[in-house]
Amino acid sequence: MAKVKIFTTATCPFCIRAKDLLAQRGVNDYEEIRVDIDPSQRTVMMEVSGRRTVPQIFIDHQHIGGCDDLVDLDRRGGLVPLLNAGA
């Protein structure tokens, strides 16, 4: 399984939705970086993603984008192969 990293906050509904989708695709072990707990991580997130909003999702160091991007990737059939490519 590919390595997944996701920048989140606790109350963001898009973060929750993205994590739920990942769980539905068998991803339960991922690195979650809470920018609400450690605000300095938001700066890191912005530097690596070019975006200010959460979630920001990375699969094997490839920036996927936010929740809508993840859902779109899944709808196009690209998420599962990307997750399995790291296997």
N, C-alpha and C. Protein backbone atom coordinates (compact mmCIF):
# COMPACT_ATOMS: atom_id res chain seq x y z
N MET A 1 0.85 -1.18 0.00
CA MET A 1 0.00 0.00 0.00
C MET A 1 0.89 1.24 0.00
N ALA A 2 0.47 2.22 -0.74
CA ALA A 2 1.20 3.47 -0.84
C ALA A 2 1.19 4.22 0.49
N LYS A 3 2.17 5.08 0.67
CA LYS A 3 2.24 5.92 1.86
C LYS A 3 1.35 7.15 1.64
N VAL A 4 0.45 7.39 2.58
CA VAL A 4 -0.49 8.50 2.48
C VAL A 4 -0.23 9.48 3.61
N LYS A 5 -0.19 10.76 3.25
CA LYS A 5 -0.05 11.83 4.24
C LYS A 5 -1.16 12.81 3.98
N ILE A 6 -1.83 13.26 5.06
CA ILE A 6 -2.94 14.18 4.91
C ILE A 6 -2.86 15.27 5.98
N PHE A 7 -2.89 16.51 5.54
CA PHE A 7 -2.93 17.66 6.44
C PHE A 7 -4.39 17.95 6.73
N THR A 8 -4.75 18.06 8.02
CA THR A 8 -6.15 18.19 8.41
C THR A 8 -6.33 19.16 9.58
N THR A 9 -7.61 19.38 9.90
CA THR A 9 -8.02 19.96 11.18
C THR A 9 -9.11 19.04 11.73
N ALA A 10 -9.39 19.17 13.01
CA ALA A 10 -10.33 18.25 13.67
C ALA A 10 -11.77 18.43 13.19
N THR A 11 -12.17 19.66 12.91
CA THR A 11 -13.58 19.92 12.64
C THR A 11 -13.92 20.11 11.16
N CYS A 12 -12.96 19.97 10.30
CA CYS A 12 -13.17 20.19 8.86
C CYS A 12 -13.98 19.04 8.26
N PRO A 13 -15.18 19.33 7.74
CA PRO A 13 -15.99 18.25 7.16
C PRO A 13 -15.34 17.63 5.93
N PHE A 14 -14.56 18.40 5.18
CA PHE A 14 -13.89 17.86 4.00
C PHE A 14 -12.77 16.91 4.41
N CYS A 15 -12.11 17.21 5.53
CA CYS A 15 -11.07 16.31 6.05
C CYS A 15 -11.69 14.98 6.46
N ILE A 16 -12.82 15.07 7.14
CA ILE A 16 -13.51 13.86 7.59
C ILE A 16 -13.95 13.03 6.39
N ARG A 17 -14.49 13.69 5.38
CA ARG A 17 -14.93 12.99 4.18
C ARG A 17 -13.76 12.32 3.47
N ALA A 18 -12.65 13.02 3.36
CA ALA A 18 -11.47 12.45 2.70
C ALA A 18 -10.95 11.23 3.46
N LYS A 19 -10.89 11.34 4.78
CA LYS A 19 -10.42 10.20 5.59
C LYS A 19 -11.39 9.03 5.47
N ASP A 20 -12.69 9.31 5.40
CA ASP A 20 -13.68 8.24 5.22
C ASP A 20 -13.50 7.53 3.88
N LEU A 21 -13.26 8.31 2.82
CA LEU A 21 -13.04 7.70 1.51
C LEU A 21 -11.78 6.84 1.51
N LEU A 22 -10.73 7.35 2.12
CA LEU A 22 -9.50 6.55 2.21
C LEU A 22 -9.77 5.25 2.96
N ALA A 23 -10.53 5.32 4.05
CA ALA A 23 -10.86 4.11 4.81
C ALA A 23 -11.67 3.12 3.97
N GLN A 24 -12.59 3.65 3.17
CA GLN A 24 -13.39 2.79 2.28
C GLN A 24 -12.51 2.08 1.26
N ARG A 25 -11.40 2.69 0.93
CA ARG A 25 -10.47 2.09 -0.05
C ARG A 25 -9.37 1.29 0.63
N GLY A 26 -9.53 1.06 1.94
CA GLY A 26 -8.60 0.19 2.66
C GLY A 26 -7.42 0.88 3.29
N VAL A 27 -7.41 2.20 3.29
CA VAL A 27 -6.30 2.95 3.88
C VAL A 27 -6.70 3.38 5.29
N ASN A 28 -6.14 2.71 6.26
CA ASN A 28 -6.39 3.05 7.66
C ASN A 28 -5.12 3.51 8.36
N ASP A 29 -4.01 3.31 7.71
CA ASP A 29 -2.72 3.69 8.27
C ASP A 29 -2.13 4.80 7.40
N TYR A 30 -2.27 6.03 7.87
CA TYR A 30 -1.75 7.17 7.13
C TYR A 30 -1.19 8.17 8.13
N GLU A 31 -0.36 9.04 7.63
CA GLU A 31 0.21 10.09 8.47
C GLU A 31 -0.73 11.29 8.42
N GLU A 32 -1.30 11.62 9.57
CA GLU A 32 -2.20 12.77 9.66
C GLU A 32 -1.47 13.90 10.38
N ILE A 33 -1.42 15.03 9.73
CA ILE A 33 -0.77 16.20 10.31
C ILE A 33 -1.85 17.23 10.59
N ARG A 34 -2.09 17.48 11.87
CA ARG A 34 -3.15 18.38 12.30
C ARG A 34 -2.62 19.80 12.38
N VAL A 35 -3.01 20.64 11.43
CA VAL A 35 -2.54 22.01 11.42
C VAL A 35 -3.24 22.88 12.46
N ASP A 36 -4.33 22.38 13.04
CA ASP A 36 -4.98 23.11 14.13
C ASP A 36 -4.24 22.90 15.45
N ILE A 37 -3.56 21.80 15.59
CA ILE A 37 -2.77 21.53 16.79
C ILE A 37 -1.39 22.18 16.69
N ASP A 38 -0.81 22.11 15.50
CA ASP A 38 0.52 22.67 15.26
C ASP A 38 0.45 23.63 14.07
N PRO A 39 0.12 24.91 14.34
CA PRO A 39 -0.05 25.87 13.25
C PRO A 39 1.18 26.03 12.35
N SER A 40 2.36 25.73 12.83
CA SER A 40 3.55 25.83 11.98
C SER A 40 3.47 24.84 10.82
N GLN A 41 2.70 23.78 11.00
CA GLN A 41 2.55 22.79 9.93
C GLN A 41 1.71 23.32 8.77
N ARG A 42 0.88 24.34 9.03
CA ARG A 42 0.13 24.95 7.93
C ARG A 42 1.10 25.61 6.95
N THR A 43 2.14 26.24 7.47
CA THR A 43 3.16 26.85 6.62
C THR A 43 3.85 25.78 5.78
N VAL A 44 4.18 24.66 6.41
CA VAL A 44 4.80 23.54 5.69
C VAL A 44 3.84 23.06 4.60
N MET A 45 2.57 22.89 4.96
CA MET A 45 1.57 22.42 4.01
C MET A 45 1.48 23.37 2.81
N MET A 46 1.46 24.66 3.07
CA MET A 46 1.37 25.64 2.00
C MET A 46 2.60 25.61 1.10
N GLU A 47 3.75 25.38 1.70
CA GLU A 47 4.98 25.31 0.91
C GLU A 47 5.00 24.10 -0.01
N VAL A 48 4.53 22.96 0.47
CA VAL A 48 4.61 21.73 -0.33
C VAL A 48 3.42 21.56 -1.28
N SER A 49 2.30 22.21 -0.97
CA SER A 49 1.11 22.03 -1.80
C SER A 49 0.75 23.27 -2.63
N GLY A 50 1.19 24.44 -2.16
CA GLY A 50 0.79 25.68 -2.82
C GLY A 50 -0.63 26.09 -2.49
N ARG A 51 -1.23 25.42 -1.50
CA ARG A 51 -2.62 25.70 -1.13
C ARG A 51 -2.71 26.01 0.36
N ARG A 52 -3.78 26.74 0.74
CA ARG A 52 -3.97 27.16 2.12
C ARG A 52 -5.01 26.32 2.86
N THR A 53 -5.86 25.63 2.12
CA THR A 53 -7.00 24.95 2.73
C THR A 53 -6.69 23.49 3.04
N VAL A 54 -7.42 22.95 4.00
CA VAL A 54 -7.32 21.53 4.34
C VAL A 54 -8.57 20.83 3.83
N PRO A 55 -8.46 19.55 3.55
CA PRO A 55 -7.27 18.73 3.64
C PRO A 55 -6.36 18.93 2.42
N GLN A 56 -5.12 18.59 2.60
CA GLN A 56 -4.18 18.44 1.49
C GLN A 56 -3.64 17.03 1.59
N ILE A 57 -3.77 16.30 0.52
CA ILE A 57 -3.50 14.86 0.53
C ILE A 57 -2.34 14.54 -0.40
N PHE A 58 -1.45 13.70 0.10
CA PHE A 58 -0.29 13.24 -0.66
C PHE A 58 -0.29 11.72 -0.65
N ILE A 59 -0.05 11.13 -1.81
CA ILE A 59 0.09 9.67 -1.92
C ILE A 59 1.46 9.41 -2.51
N ASP A 60 2.30 8.74 -1.75
CA ASP A 60 3.69 8.50 -2.14
C ASP A 60 4.36 9.78 -2.64
N HIS A 61 4.23 10.82 -1.85
CA HIS A 61 4.84 12.13 -2.10
C HIS A 61 4.24 12.88 -3.29
N GLN A 62 3.23 12.32 -3.93
CA GLN A 62 2.55 13.00 -5.04
C GLN A 62 1.37 13.78 -4.46
N HIS A 63 1.32 15.07 -4.74
CA HIS A 63 0.22 15.90 -4.24
C HIS A 63 -1.04 15.59 -5.02
N ILE A 64 -2.06 15.12 -4.31
CA ILE A 64 -3.34 14.80 -4.92
C ILE A 64 -4.23 16.03 -4.94
N GLY A 65 -4.16 16.81 -3.87
CA GLY A 65 -5.00 18.00 -3.73
C GLY A 65 -5.88 17.86 -2.50
N GLY A 66 -7.06 18.45 -2.59
CA GLY A 66 -8.00 18.42 -1.47
C GLY A 66 -9.01 17.29 -1.61
N CYS A 67 -10.06 17.40 -0.83
CA CYS A 67 -11.09 16.35 -0.81
C CYS A 67 -11.74 16.18 -2.17
N ASP A 68 -12.13 17.29 -2.81
CA ASP A 68 -12.77 17.18 -4.12
C ASP A 68 -11.86 16.52 -5.14
N ASP A 69 -10.57 16.82 -5.06
CA ASP A 69 -9.60 16.20 -5.97
C ASP A 69 -9.51 14.70 -5.72
N LEU A 70 -9.53 14.31 -4.45
CA LEU A 70 -9.46 12.90 -4.08
C LEU A 70 -10.70 12.16 -4.58
N VAL A 71 -11.87 12.76 -4.37
CA VAL A 71 -13.13 12.15 -4.82
C VAL A 71 -13.14 12.02 -6.34
N ASP A 72 -12.69 13.05 -7.03
CA ASP A 72 -12.63 13.02 -8.49
C ASP A 72 -11.68 11.93 -8.98
N LEU A 73 -10.53 11.82 -8.35
CA LEU A 73 -9.57 10.77 -8.71
C LEU A 73 -10.20 9.40 -8.53
N ASP A 74 -10.95 9.22 -7.45
CA ASP A 74 -11.61 7.94 -7.18
C ASP A 74 -12.68 7.66 -8.23
N ARG A 75 -13.47 8.67 -8.57
CA ARG A 75 -14.54 8.50 -9.57
C ARG A 75 -13.98 8.13 -10.94
N ARG A 76 -12.80 8.63 -11.24
CA ARG A 76 -12.16 8.31 -12.53
C ARG A 76 -11.46 6.94 -12.49
N GLY A 77 -11.48 6.30 -11.33
CA GLY A 77 -10.86 4.98 -11.20
C GLY A 77 -9.37 5.03 -10.96
N GLY A 78 -8.83 6.18 -10.59
CA GLY A 78 -7.41 6.32 -10.41
C GLY A 78 -6.88 6.16 -9.00
N LEU A 79 -7.77 6.21 -8.01
CA LEU A 79 -7.30 6.17 -6.63
C LEU A 79 -6.77 4.80 -6.23
N VAL A 80 -7.54 3.76 -6.45
CA VAL A 80 -7.13 2.43 -6.01
C VAL A 80 -5.81 2.00 -6.67
N PRO A 81 -5.65 2.18 -8.00
CA PRO A 81 -4.36 1.81 -8.59
C PRO A 81 -3.19 2.61 -8.00
N LEU A 82 -3.43 3.88 -7.70
CA LEU A 82 -2.37 4.71 -7.11
C LEU A 82 -2.02 4.21 -5.72
N LEU A 83 -3.03 3.85 -4.95
CA LEU A 83 -2.80 3.30 -3.61
C LEU A 83 -2.07 1.97 -3.68
N ASN A 84 -2.43 1.13 -4.65
CA ASN A 84 -1.81 -0.18 -4.78
C ASN A 84 -0.43 -0.14 -5.40
N ALA A 85 -0.10 0.97 -6.07
CA ALA A 85 1.21 1.08 -6.71
C ALA A 85 2.33 1.07 -5.69
N GLY A 86 2.04 1.50 -4.47
CA GLY A 86 3.06 1.51 -3.42
C GLY A 86 3.22 0.18 -2.72
N ALA A 87 2.44 -0.81 -3.13
CA ALA A 87 2.47 -2.11 -2.47
C ALA A 87 3.74 -2.87 -2.79
